[in-house]
Amino acid sequence: MSSSQFPVLSSQWDRRTFLRWIKFNAVGGIGIGVQLAALAIFRSWMKLDYLLATGLAVEIAVIHNFFWHARFTWADRPALLRGHLLLRLAKFNASNGAVSMVGNLVLMRLLVGEVKFNYVASNVIAIVICSLVNFLLSDVFVFEAEAKPAAISN
């Protein structure tokens, strides 16, 4: 794929991509709060293992973020058919969810398990590292613009 197929990698950001990036990060910021709150509940209150707690917290944040991205970040690219929203949720979970889950678990294992960093600080580092990849995946794969049938575009 060429860089022109990836809006963020092209030499020129347009205004729409920049505003979408801002929205993506706003939703992501709220998602971080959701993830950290869930992590604290699972780890501190429920005394779950830090990796299990991380996995559950990531999945809660992924689902939260999907619905906000569908209605806010990529509101200009609505799902045209009912089933498309479910397909997008599956694509988001398979792409962003996988990047977030694998990235978070690997980095948590490294930072907490090996380096002995604090689990909350380690989780913030993991979230930030996964963010750019998730934006690209969302923009070109999950919320790709759907071709509008002629009847709808007229």
N, C-alpha and C. Protein backbone atom coordinates (compact mmCIF):
# COMPACT_ATOMS: atom_id res chain seq x y z
N MET A 1 0.84 -1.18 0.00
CA MET A 1 0.00 0.00 0.00
C MET A 1 0.88 1.24 0.00
N SER A 2 0.46 2.23 -0.71
CA SER A 2 1.24 3.46 -0.77
C SER A 2 0.84 4.37 0.38
N SER A 3 1.68 5.37 0.63
CA SER A 3 1.39 6.28 1.73
C SER A 3 0.13 7.10 1.47
N SER A 4 -0.27 7.26 0.19
CA SER A 4 -1.48 8.02 -0.09
C SER A 4 -2.72 7.28 0.40
N GLN A 5 -2.64 5.97 0.61
CA GLN A 5 -3.76 5.21 1.13
C GLN A 5 -3.86 5.35 2.65
N PHE A 6 -2.85 5.83 3.28
CA PHE A 6 -2.84 6.05 4.71
C PHE A 6 -2.78 7.55 4.96
N PRO A 7 -3.93 8.20 5.27
CA PRO A 7 -3.97 9.65 5.40
C PRO A 7 -2.93 10.22 6.35
N VAL A 8 -2.63 9.52 7.43
CA VAL A 8 -1.71 10.07 8.40
C VAL A 8 -0.27 10.03 7.90
N LEU A 9 0.02 9.13 6.96
CA LEU A 9 1.38 9.00 6.47
C LEU A 9 1.66 9.86 5.24
N SER A 10 0.63 10.43 4.65
CA SER A 10 0.85 11.26 3.47
C SER A 10 1.60 12.51 3.88
N SER A 11 2.24 13.13 2.90
CA SER A 11 3.08 14.29 3.21
C SER A 11 2.26 15.49 3.67
N GLN A 12 0.99 15.48 3.40
CA GLN A 12 0.15 16.63 3.75
C GLN A 12 -1.10 16.17 4.48
N TRP A 13 -1.23 16.63 5.70
CA TRP A 13 -2.45 16.32 6.45
C TRP A 13 -3.52 17.30 6.01
N ASP A 14 -4.70 16.83 5.73
CA ASP A 14 -5.77 17.77 5.46
C ASP A 14 -6.48 18.09 6.77
N ARG A 15 -7.31 19.09 6.73
CA ARG A 15 -8.00 19.55 7.94
C ARG A 15 -8.88 18.45 8.54
N ARG A 16 -9.57 17.70 7.68
CA ARG A 16 -10.47 16.64 8.15
C ARG A 16 -9.71 15.56 8.91
N THR A 17 -8.55 15.16 8.39
CA THR A 17 -7.75 14.13 9.06
C THR A 17 -7.24 14.66 10.40
N PHE A 18 -6.82 15.91 10.42
CA PHE A 18 -6.33 16.49 11.67
C PHE A 18 -7.44 16.55 12.72
N LEU A 19 -8.63 16.99 12.33
CA LEU A 19 -9.75 17.05 13.28
C LEU A 19 -10.15 15.65 13.73
N ARG A 20 -10.09 14.69 12.81
CA ARG A 20 -10.40 13.31 13.18
C ARG A 20 -9.38 12.79 14.19
N TRP A 21 -8.11 13.13 14.00
CA TRP A 21 -7.04 12.73 14.92
C TRP A 21 -7.30 13.31 16.32
N ILE A 22 -7.74 14.58 16.36
CA ILE A 22 -8.07 15.22 17.63
C ILE A 22 -9.23 14.49 18.31
N LYS A 23 -10.30 14.20 17.54
CA LYS A 23 -11.44 13.47 18.08
C LYS A 23 -11.03 12.08 18.56
N PHE A 24 -10.20 11.40 17.76
CA PHE A 24 -9.72 10.07 18.12
C PHE A 24 -9.02 10.11 19.48
N ASN A 25 -8.18 11.11 19.67
CA ASN A 25 -7.45 11.23 20.93
C ASN A 25 -8.35 11.64 22.09
N ALA A 26 -9.38 12.44 21.81
CA ALA A 26 -10.33 12.80 22.87
C ALA A 26 -11.08 11.55 23.35
N VAL A 27 -11.58 10.76 22.39
CA VAL A 27 -12.25 9.51 22.75
C VAL A 27 -11.25 8.59 23.46
N GLY A 28 -10.05 8.51 22.92
CA GLY A 28 -9.02 7.68 23.54
C GLY A 28 -8.69 8.11 24.95
N GLY A 29 -8.69 9.42 25.18
CA GLY A 29 -8.43 9.93 26.53
C GLY A 29 -9.49 9.48 27.52
N ILE A 30 -10.74 9.54 27.08
CA ILE A 30 -11.83 9.04 27.94
C ILE A 30 -11.68 7.53 28.11
N GLY A 31 -11.31 6.85 27.01
CA GLY A 31 -11.09 5.40 27.07
C GLY A 31 -9.98 5.01 28.03
N ILE A 32 -8.95 5.85 28.11
CA ILE A 32 -7.88 5.60 29.08
C ILE A 32 -8.45 5.63 30.49
N GLY A 33 -9.29 6.62 30.77
CA GLY A 33 -9.94 6.69 32.09
C GLY A 33 -10.77 5.45 32.37
N VAL A 34 -11.54 5.02 31.35
CA VAL A 34 -12.35 3.80 31.48
C VAL A 34 -11.45 2.60 31.76
N GLN A 35 -10.36 2.49 30.97
CA GLN A 35 -9.46 1.35 31.13
C GLN A 35 -8.77 1.36 32.49
N LEU A 36 -8.29 2.50 32.91
CA LEU A 36 -7.60 2.57 34.20
C LEU A 36 -8.55 2.33 35.37
N ALA A 37 -9.78 2.83 35.26
CA ALA A 37 -10.77 2.57 36.32
C ALA A 37 -11.08 1.08 36.39
N ALA A 38 -11.29 0.47 35.21
CA ALA A 38 -11.56 -0.97 35.19
C ALA A 38 -10.37 -1.76 35.73
N LEU A 39 -9.16 -1.35 35.34
CA LEU A 39 -7.96 -2.02 35.83
C LEU A 39 -7.87 -1.92 37.35
N ALA A 40 -8.14 -0.74 37.89
CA ALA A 40 -8.09 -0.56 39.34
C ALA A 40 -9.12 -1.43 40.05
N ILE A 41 -10.32 -1.50 39.48
CA ILE A 41 -11.37 -2.33 40.08
C ILE A 41 -10.97 -3.80 40.05
N PHE A 42 -10.53 -4.26 38.87
CA PHE A 42 -10.17 -5.68 38.74
C PHE A 42 -8.95 -6.04 39.58
N ARG A 43 -7.97 -5.15 39.62
CA ARG A 43 -6.71 -5.46 40.31
C ARG A 43 -6.80 -5.19 41.81
N SER A 44 -7.22 -3.99 42.18
CA SER A 44 -7.19 -3.58 43.59
C SER A 44 -8.36 -4.12 44.39
N TRP A 45 -9.55 -4.03 43.84
CA TRP A 45 -10.73 -4.45 44.60
C TRP A 45 -11.01 -5.94 44.46
N MET A 46 -10.88 -6.46 43.23
CA MET A 46 -11.21 -7.87 43.00
C MET A 46 -9.99 -8.78 43.13
N LYS A 47 -8.79 -8.17 43.26
CA LYS A 47 -7.54 -8.90 43.47
C LYS A 47 -7.22 -9.89 42.34
N LEU A 48 -7.60 -9.53 41.09
CA LEU A 48 -7.27 -10.38 39.95
C LEU A 48 -5.80 -10.23 39.61
N ASP A 49 -5.24 -11.24 38.97
CA ASP A 49 -3.88 -11.18 38.45
C ASP A 49 -3.75 -9.96 37.52
N TYR A 50 -2.60 -9.29 37.52
CA TYR A 50 -2.46 -8.06 36.75
C TYR A 50 -2.65 -8.27 35.25
N LEU A 51 -2.28 -9.43 34.72
CA LEU A 51 -2.48 -9.68 33.29
C LEU A 51 -3.95 -9.92 32.96
N LEU A 52 -4.66 -10.68 33.76
CA LEU A 52 -6.09 -10.89 33.56
C LEU A 52 -6.83 -9.56 33.71
N ALA A 53 -6.49 -8.82 34.74
CA ALA A 53 -7.11 -7.51 34.97
C ALA A 53 -6.87 -6.58 33.79
N THR A 54 -5.66 -6.61 33.24
CA THR A 54 -5.33 -5.77 32.08
C THR A 54 -6.16 -6.18 30.87
N GLY A 55 -6.25 -7.47 30.61
CA GLY A 55 -7.02 -7.95 29.46
C GLY A 55 -8.48 -7.55 29.54
N LEU A 56 -9.09 -7.73 30.70
CA LEU A 56 -10.49 -7.34 30.88
C LEU A 56 -10.68 -5.83 30.74
N ALA A 57 -9.77 -5.06 31.31
CA ALA A 57 -9.85 -3.61 31.23
C ALA A 57 -9.70 -3.12 29.79
N VAL A 58 -8.79 -3.73 29.05
CA VAL A 58 -8.60 -3.35 27.64
C VAL A 58 -9.88 -3.62 26.86
N GLU A 59 -10.49 -4.78 27.04
CA GLU A 59 -11.70 -5.11 26.28
C GLU A 59 -12.84 -4.14 26.60
N ILE A 60 -12.99 -3.76 27.83
CA ILE A 60 -14.02 -2.78 28.19
C ILE A 60 -13.74 -1.45 27.49
N ALA A 61 -12.49 -1.01 27.49
CA ALA A 61 -12.14 0.24 26.82
C ALA A 61 -12.32 0.15 25.31
N VAL A 62 -12.00 -0.98 24.71
CA VAL A 62 -12.16 -1.17 23.26
C VAL A 62 -13.63 -1.01 22.87
N ILE A 63 -14.51 -1.65 23.59
CA ILE A 63 -15.95 -1.56 23.28
C ILE A 63 -16.45 -0.13 23.50
N HIS A 64 -16.05 0.49 24.58
CA HIS A 64 -16.40 1.89 24.84
C HIS A 64 -15.94 2.78 23.69
N ASN A 65 -14.69 2.64 23.30
CA ASN A 65 -14.13 3.49 22.26
C ASN A 65 -14.81 3.28 20.92
N PHE A 66 -15.15 2.03 20.58
CA PHE A 66 -15.80 1.76 19.30
C PHE A 66 -17.08 2.58 19.16
N PHE A 67 -17.93 2.53 20.16
CA PHE A 67 -19.21 3.22 20.04
C PHE A 67 -19.04 4.73 19.97
N TRP A 68 -18.08 5.27 20.69
CA TRP A 68 -17.82 6.71 20.58
C TRP A 68 -17.21 7.06 19.22
N HIS A 69 -16.31 6.25 18.72
CA HIS A 69 -15.73 6.53 17.40
C HIS A 69 -16.79 6.46 16.31
N ALA A 70 -17.69 5.48 16.40
CA ALA A 70 -18.74 5.34 15.39
C ALA A 70 -19.66 6.56 15.38
N ARG A 71 -19.94 7.12 16.54
CA ARG A 71 -20.89 8.23 16.62
C ARG A 71 -20.24 9.61 16.63
N PHE A 72 -18.95 9.67 16.85
CA PHE A 72 -18.29 10.98 16.99
C PHE A 72 -17.11 11.13 16.04
N THR A 73 -16.11 10.29 16.17
CA THR A 73 -14.88 10.43 15.39
C THR A 73 -15.12 10.22 13.91
N TRP A 74 -15.84 9.17 13.56
CA TRP A 74 -16.13 8.85 12.15
C TRP A 74 -17.62 8.98 11.87
N ALA A 75 -18.26 9.99 12.46
CA ALA A 75 -19.70 10.21 12.25
C ALA A 75 -20.02 10.51 10.79
N ASP A 76 -19.06 11.01 10.04
CA ASP A 76 -19.27 11.31 8.62
C ASP A 76 -19.20 10.05 7.75
N ARG A 77 -18.91 8.92 8.35
CA ARG A 77 -18.86 7.64 7.63
C ARG A 77 -19.81 6.64 8.31
N PRO A 78 -21.10 6.93 8.32
CA PRO A 78 -22.03 6.04 9.02
C PRO A 78 -22.15 4.68 8.34
N ALA A 79 -22.49 3.69 9.11
CA ALA A 79 -22.79 2.37 8.55
C ALA A 79 -24.11 2.49 7.80
N LEU A 80 -24.11 2.11 6.53
CA LEU A 80 -25.31 2.30 5.71
C LEU A 80 -26.38 1.25 5.96
N LEU A 81 -25.97 0.08 6.36
CA LEU A 81 -26.92 -0.99 6.66
C LEU A 81 -26.74 -1.43 8.10
N ARG A 82 -27.81 -1.99 8.67
CA ARG A 82 -27.78 -2.42 10.07
C ARG A 82 -26.60 -3.34 10.38
N GLY A 83 -26.39 -4.33 9.52
CA GLY A 83 -25.33 -5.29 9.75
C GLY A 83 -23.94 -4.71 9.67
N HIS A 84 -23.80 -3.55 9.02
CA HIS A 84 -22.48 -2.94 8.89
C HIS A 84 -21.91 -2.49 10.24
N LEU A 85 -22.78 -2.05 11.14
CA LEU A 85 -22.29 -1.64 12.47
C LEU A 85 -21.70 -2.84 13.20
N LEU A 86 -22.37 -3.97 13.12
CA LEU A 86 -21.83 -5.18 13.75
C LEU A 86 -20.54 -5.64 13.08
N LEU A 87 -20.49 -5.53 11.76
CA LEU A 87 -19.26 -5.86 11.04
C LEU A 87 -18.13 -4.93 11.48
N ARG A 88 -18.43 -3.65 11.61
CA ARG A 88 -17.41 -2.70 12.06
C ARG A 88 -16.95 -3.01 13.49
N LEU A 89 -17.89 -3.37 14.35
CA LEU A 89 -17.52 -3.74 15.72
C LEU A 89 -16.57 -4.93 15.70
N ALA A 90 -16.88 -5.92 14.86
CA ALA A 90 -16.00 -7.09 14.75
C ALA A 90 -14.63 -6.68 14.20
N LYS A 91 -14.61 -5.82 13.19
CA LYS A 91 -13.33 -5.36 12.62
C LYS A 91 -12.54 -4.53 13.64
N PHE A 92 -13.24 -3.70 14.41
CA PHE A 92 -12.58 -2.87 15.42
C PHE A 92 -11.99 -3.74 16.51
N ASN A 93 -12.76 -4.72 16.95
CA ASN A 93 -12.28 -5.62 17.99
C ASN A 93 -11.10 -6.45 17.48
N ALA A 94 -11.17 -6.90 16.22
CA ALA A 94 -10.10 -7.72 15.65
C ALA A 94 -8.83 -6.90 15.37
N SER A 95 -8.98 -5.64 15.05
CA SER A 95 -7.80 -4.82 14.74
C SER A 95 -7.36 -4.01 15.95
N ASN A 96 -8.12 -3.00 16.31
CA ASN A 96 -7.77 -2.17 17.46
C ASN A 96 -7.72 -2.98 18.74
N GLY A 97 -8.69 -3.88 18.88
CA GLY A 97 -8.71 -4.73 20.07
C GLY A 97 -7.48 -5.60 20.17
N ALA A 98 -7.09 -6.20 19.03
CA ALA A 98 -5.90 -7.06 19.03
C ALA A 98 -4.64 -6.26 19.31
N VAL A 99 -4.49 -5.10 18.65
CA VAL A 99 -3.32 -4.26 18.90
C VAL A 99 -3.28 -3.85 20.36
N SER A 100 -4.41 -3.41 20.88
CA SER A 100 -4.46 -2.97 22.28
C SER A 100 -4.21 -4.12 23.24
N MET A 101 -4.85 -5.25 22.97
CA MET A 101 -4.72 -6.41 23.87
C MET A 101 -3.28 -6.95 23.86
N VAL A 102 -2.77 -7.25 22.67
CA VAL A 102 -1.41 -7.81 22.58
C VAL A 102 -0.38 -6.78 23.05
N GLY A 103 -0.54 -5.54 22.58
CA GLY A 103 0.40 -4.50 22.99
C GLY A 103 0.40 -4.28 24.48
N ASN A 104 -0.79 -4.19 25.07
CA ASN A 104 -0.89 -3.98 26.51
C ASN A 104 -0.34 -5.16 27.29
N LEU A 105 -0.71 -6.37 26.91
CA LEU A 105 -0.26 -7.54 27.67
C LEU A 105 1.26 -7.75 27.56
N VAL A 106 1.79 -7.59 26.35
CA VAL A 106 3.24 -7.75 26.17
C VAL A 106 3.99 -6.67 26.94
N LEU A 107 3.55 -5.43 26.80
CA LEU A 107 4.25 -4.34 27.49
C LEU A 107 4.06 -4.42 29.00
N MET A 108 2.88 -4.82 29.45
CA MET A 108 2.67 -4.99 30.90
C MET A 108 3.56 -6.11 31.44
N ARG A 109 3.66 -7.19 30.70
CA ARG A 109 4.53 -8.31 31.14
C ARG A 109 5.98 -7.84 31.22
N LEU A 110 6.39 -7.06 30.24
CA LEU A 110 7.76 -6.56 30.23
C LEU A 110 7.98 -5.53 31.34
N LEU A 111 7.11 -4.51 31.38
CA LEU A 111 7.33 -3.40 32.31
C LEU A 111 7.03 -3.76 33.78
N VAL A 112 5.94 -4.49 34.01
CA VAL A 112 5.60 -4.86 35.39
C VAL A 112 6.34 -6.13 35.80
N GLY A 113 6.25 -7.15 34.94
CA GLY A 113 6.81 -8.45 35.30
C GLY A 113 8.32 -8.50 35.33
N GLU A 114 8.95 -7.83 34.40
CA GLU A 114 10.41 -7.88 34.30
C GLU A 114 11.11 -6.66 34.92
N VAL A 115 10.63 -5.46 34.54
CA VAL A 115 11.30 -4.24 34.98
C VAL A 115 10.79 -3.78 36.35
N LYS A 116 9.63 -4.30 36.77
CA LYS A 116 9.03 -3.99 38.07
C LYS A 116 8.54 -2.55 38.18
N PHE A 117 8.06 -1.99 37.06
CA PHE A 117 7.43 -0.67 37.08
C PHE A 117 6.05 -0.80 37.72
N ASN A 118 5.52 0.32 38.16
CA ASN A 118 4.16 0.39 38.68
C ASN A 118 3.18 -0.01 37.58
N TYR A 119 2.15 -0.79 37.93
CA TYR A 119 1.24 -1.31 36.92
C TYR A 119 0.39 -0.22 36.26
N VAL A 120 0.05 0.85 36.97
CA VAL A 120 -0.74 1.93 36.36
C VAL A 120 0.13 2.72 35.38
N ALA A 121 1.33 3.10 35.79
CA ALA A 121 2.23 3.83 34.89
C ALA A 121 2.57 2.98 33.66
N SER A 122 2.77 1.71 33.86
CA SER A 122 3.07 0.80 32.75
C SER A 122 1.91 0.73 31.77
N ASN A 123 0.69 0.72 32.30
CA ASN A 123 -0.49 0.65 31.45
C ASN A 123 -0.64 1.92 30.62
N VAL A 124 -0.35 3.08 31.19
CA VAL A 124 -0.40 4.34 30.44
C VAL A 124 0.61 4.31 29.29
N ILE A 125 1.81 3.83 29.54
CA ILE A 125 2.84 3.72 28.50
C ILE A 125 2.35 2.80 27.38
N ALA A 126 1.77 1.68 27.72
CA ALA A 126 1.27 0.74 26.72
C ALA A 126 0.16 1.36 25.87
N ILE A 127 -0.73 2.09 26.49
CA ILE A 127 -1.83 2.74 25.77
C ILE A 127 -1.29 3.74 24.75
N VAL A 128 -0.36 4.56 25.16
CA VAL A 128 0.20 5.57 24.26
C VAL A 128 0.89 4.92 23.06
N ILE A 129 1.64 3.88 23.28
CA ILE A 129 2.36 3.21 22.20
C ILE A 129 1.41 2.62 21.17
N CYS A 130 0.28 2.09 21.60
CA CYS A 130 -0.70 1.45 20.69
C CYS A 130 -1.57 2.47 19.94
N SER A 131 -1.61 3.71 20.36
CA SER A 131 -2.55 4.69 19.84
C SER A 131 -2.41 4.98 18.34
N LEU A 132 -1.21 5.22 17.86
CA LEU A 132 -1.04 5.57 16.45
C LEU A 132 -1.45 4.43 15.53
N VAL A 133 -1.04 3.23 15.86
CA VAL A 133 -1.43 2.07 15.04
C VAL A 133 -2.94 1.93 15.01
N ASN A 134 -3.58 2.13 16.14
CA ASN A 134 -5.03 2.01 16.21
C ASN A 134 -5.74 3.08 15.37
N PHE A 135 -5.21 4.30 15.34
CA PHE A 135 -5.81 5.33 14.50
C PHE A 135 -5.75 4.94 13.03
N LEU A 136 -4.60 4.49 12.59
CA LEU A 136 -4.45 4.08 11.19
C LEU A 136 -5.40 2.94 10.85
N LEU A 137 -5.46 1.94 11.69
CA LEU A 137 -6.36 0.81 11.45
C LEU A 137 -7.82 1.25 11.41
N SER A 138 -8.19 2.13 12.30
CA SER A 138 -9.57 2.61 12.32
C SER A 138 -9.91 3.39 11.06
N ASP A 139 -9.01 4.25 10.64
CA ASP A 139 -9.29 5.12 9.51
C ASP A 139 -9.38 4.36 8.18
N VAL A 140 -8.49 3.42 7.97
CA VAL A 140 -8.44 2.76 6.65
C VAL A 140 -9.11 1.39 6.62
N PHE A 141 -9.40 0.79 7.77
CA PHE A 141 -9.95 -0.56 7.79
C PHE A 141 -11.34 -0.61 8.42
N VAL A 142 -11.49 -0.08 9.62
CA VAL A 142 -12.75 -0.22 10.34
C VAL A 142 -13.81 0.74 9.81
N PHE A 143 -13.46 2.02 9.73
CA PHE A 143 -14.42 3.04 9.34
C PHE A 143 -14.16 3.55 7.93
N GLU A 144 -13.70 2.65 7.07
CA GLU A 144 -13.47 3.05 5.69
C GLU A 144 -14.77 3.55 5.09
N ALA A 145 -14.65 4.52 4.20
CA ALA A 145 -15.84 5.07 3.55
C ALA A 145 -16.49 3.99 2.70
N GLU A 146 -17.78 3.82 2.88
CA GLU A 146 -18.52 2.83 2.10
C GLU A 146 -19.04 3.48 0.83
N ALA A 147 -19.03 2.72 -0.25
CA ALA A 147 -19.60 3.22 -1.50
C ALA A 147 -21.10 3.35 -1.32
N LYS A 148 -21.62 4.52 -1.66
CA LYS A 148 -23.05 4.76 -1.52
C LYS A 148 -23.76 4.28 -2.79
N PRO A 149 -24.83 3.53 -2.62
CA PRO A 149 -25.61 3.15 -3.79
C PRO A 149 -26.15 4.39 -4.50
N ALA A 150 -26.36 4.31 -5.82
CA ALA A 150 -26.82 5.45 -6.61
C ALA A 150 -28.10 6.04 -6.06
N ALA A 151 -28.99 5.20 -5.56
CA ALA A 151 -30.27 5.70 -5.03
C ALA A 151 -30.08 6.58 -3.81
N ILE A 152 -29.05 6.31 -3.03
CA ILE A 152 -28.81 7.10 -1.81
C ILE A 152 -28.07 8.39 -2.12
N SER A 153 -27.15 8.35 -3.08
CA SER A 153 -26.33 9.53 -3.34
C SER A 153 -27.05 10.59 -4.15
N ASN A 154 -28.15 10.28 -4.76
CA ASN A 154 -28.91 11.29 -5.55
C ASN A 154 -29.85 12.08 -4.68
